[in-house]
């Protein structure tokens, strides 16, 4: 956000009554908590490890076919 816009937003906040400012602050804090509680992205090492594990599963026959995942009623029992 551009600094001018941020400064304008702060100035608008200062025109609010104390109860209104408290309400805005509470909502902003809730938003920050929600944003920070989301999981962090995977590292390249974690992605590589997951790919290696998936490739091993495929080689060893531990996988589901497309039919089993999306159309279980048509899956062939082995």
Protein backbone atom coordinates (compact mmCIF):
# COMPACT_ATOMS: atom_id res chain seq x y z
CA UNK A 1 0.00 0.00 0.00
CA UNK A 2 1.34 3.42 -0.89
CA UNK A 3 2.49 5.44 2.10
CA UNK A 4 0.10 8.30 1.24
CA UNK A 5 -2.88 5.95 1.29
CA UNK A 6 -1.77 4.46 4.58
CA UNK A 7 -1.34 7.93 6.10
CA UNK A 8 -4.81 8.91 4.87
CA UNK A 9 -6.31 5.81 6.40
CA UNK A 10 -4.68 6.59 9.74
CA UNK A 11 -5.99 10.15 9.63
CA UNK A 12 -9.52 8.85 9.02
CA UNK A 13 -9.10 6.51 11.99
CA UNK A 14 -8.26 9.50 14.20
CA UNK A 15 -11.62 11.10 13.33
CA UNK A 16 -13.52 8.14 14.81
CA UNK A 17 -14.78 8.04 18.35
CA UNK A 18 -12.90 5.94 20.88
CA UNK A 19 -15.44 3.05 20.76
CA UNK A 20 -15.30 3.08 16.96
CA UNK A 21 -11.50 3.04 16.99
CA UNK A 22 -11.54 0.10 19.44
CA UNK A 23 -13.93 -1.79 17.15
CA UNK A 24 -11.69 -1.20 14.12
CA UNK A 25 -8.61 -2.26 16.09
CA UNK A 26 -10.33 -5.46 17.26
CA UNK A 27 -11.27 -6.36 13.69
CA UNK A 28 -7.80 -5.59 12.41
CA UNK A 29 -6.23 -7.72 15.15
CA UNK A 30 -8.58 -10.60 14.27
CA UNK A 31 -7.53 -10.24 10.63
CA UNK A 32 -3.84 -10.29 11.55
CA UNK A 33 -4.36 -13.42 13.70
CA UNK A 34 -6.16 -15.13 10.83
CA UNK A 35 -3.46 -14.24 8.32
CA UNK A 36 -0.62 -15.34 10.59
CA UNK A 37 -2.30 -18.62 11.55
CA UNK A 38 -2.32 -19.87 7.97
CA UNK A 39 0.25 -22.49 7.16
CA UNK A 40 3.54 -21.44 5.68
CA UNK A 41 4.52 -22.50 2.16
CA UNK A 42 6.56 -25.65 1.69
CA UNK A 43 10.30 -25.35 1.27
CA UNK A 44 11.95 -26.82 -1.83
CA UNK A 45 13.37 -29.59 0.34
CA UNK A 46 9.90 -30.52 1.61
CA UNK A 47 8.51 -30.52 -1.92
CA UNK A 48 11.38 -32.74 -3.14
CA UNK A 49 10.82 -35.15 -0.22
CA UNK A 50 7.10 -35.39 -0.99
CA UNK A 51 7.81 -36.02 -4.67
CA UNK A 52 10.33 -38.74 -3.79
CA UNK A 53 7.79 -40.39 -1.49
CA UNK A 54 5.09 -40.24 -4.16
CA UNK A 55 7.39 -41.75 -6.76
CA UNK A 56 8.24 -44.61 -4.36
CA UNK A 57 4.53 -45.20 -3.72
CA UNK A 58 3.85 -45.42 -7.46
CA UNK A 59 6.76 -47.81 -8.01
CA UNK A 60 5.51 -50.02 -5.18
CA UNK A 61 1.89 -49.97 -6.37
CA UNK A 62 0.51 -47.82 -3.55
CA UNK A 63 -1.75 -45.48 -5.48
CA UNK A 64 -5.38 -44.95 -6.52
CA UNK A 65 -6.48 -44.91 -10.13
CA UNK A 66 -8.47 -42.02 -11.55
CA UNK A 67 -11.55 -44.24 -11.55
CA UNK A 68 -11.09 -45.06 -7.87
CA UNK A 69 -10.77 -41.41 -6.93
CA UNK A 70 -13.39 -39.79 -9.17
CA UNK A 71 -15.71 -42.68 -10.05
CA UNK A 72 -15.56 -45.27 -7.26
CA UNK A 73 -18.67 -47.00 -8.56
CA UNK A 74 -16.70 -47.99 -11.71
CA UNK A 75 -13.45 -48.98 -9.98
CA UNK A 76 -12.22 -52.50 -10.55
CA UNK A 77 -11.55 -54.39 -7.31
CA UNK A 78 -8.16 -56.07 -7.28
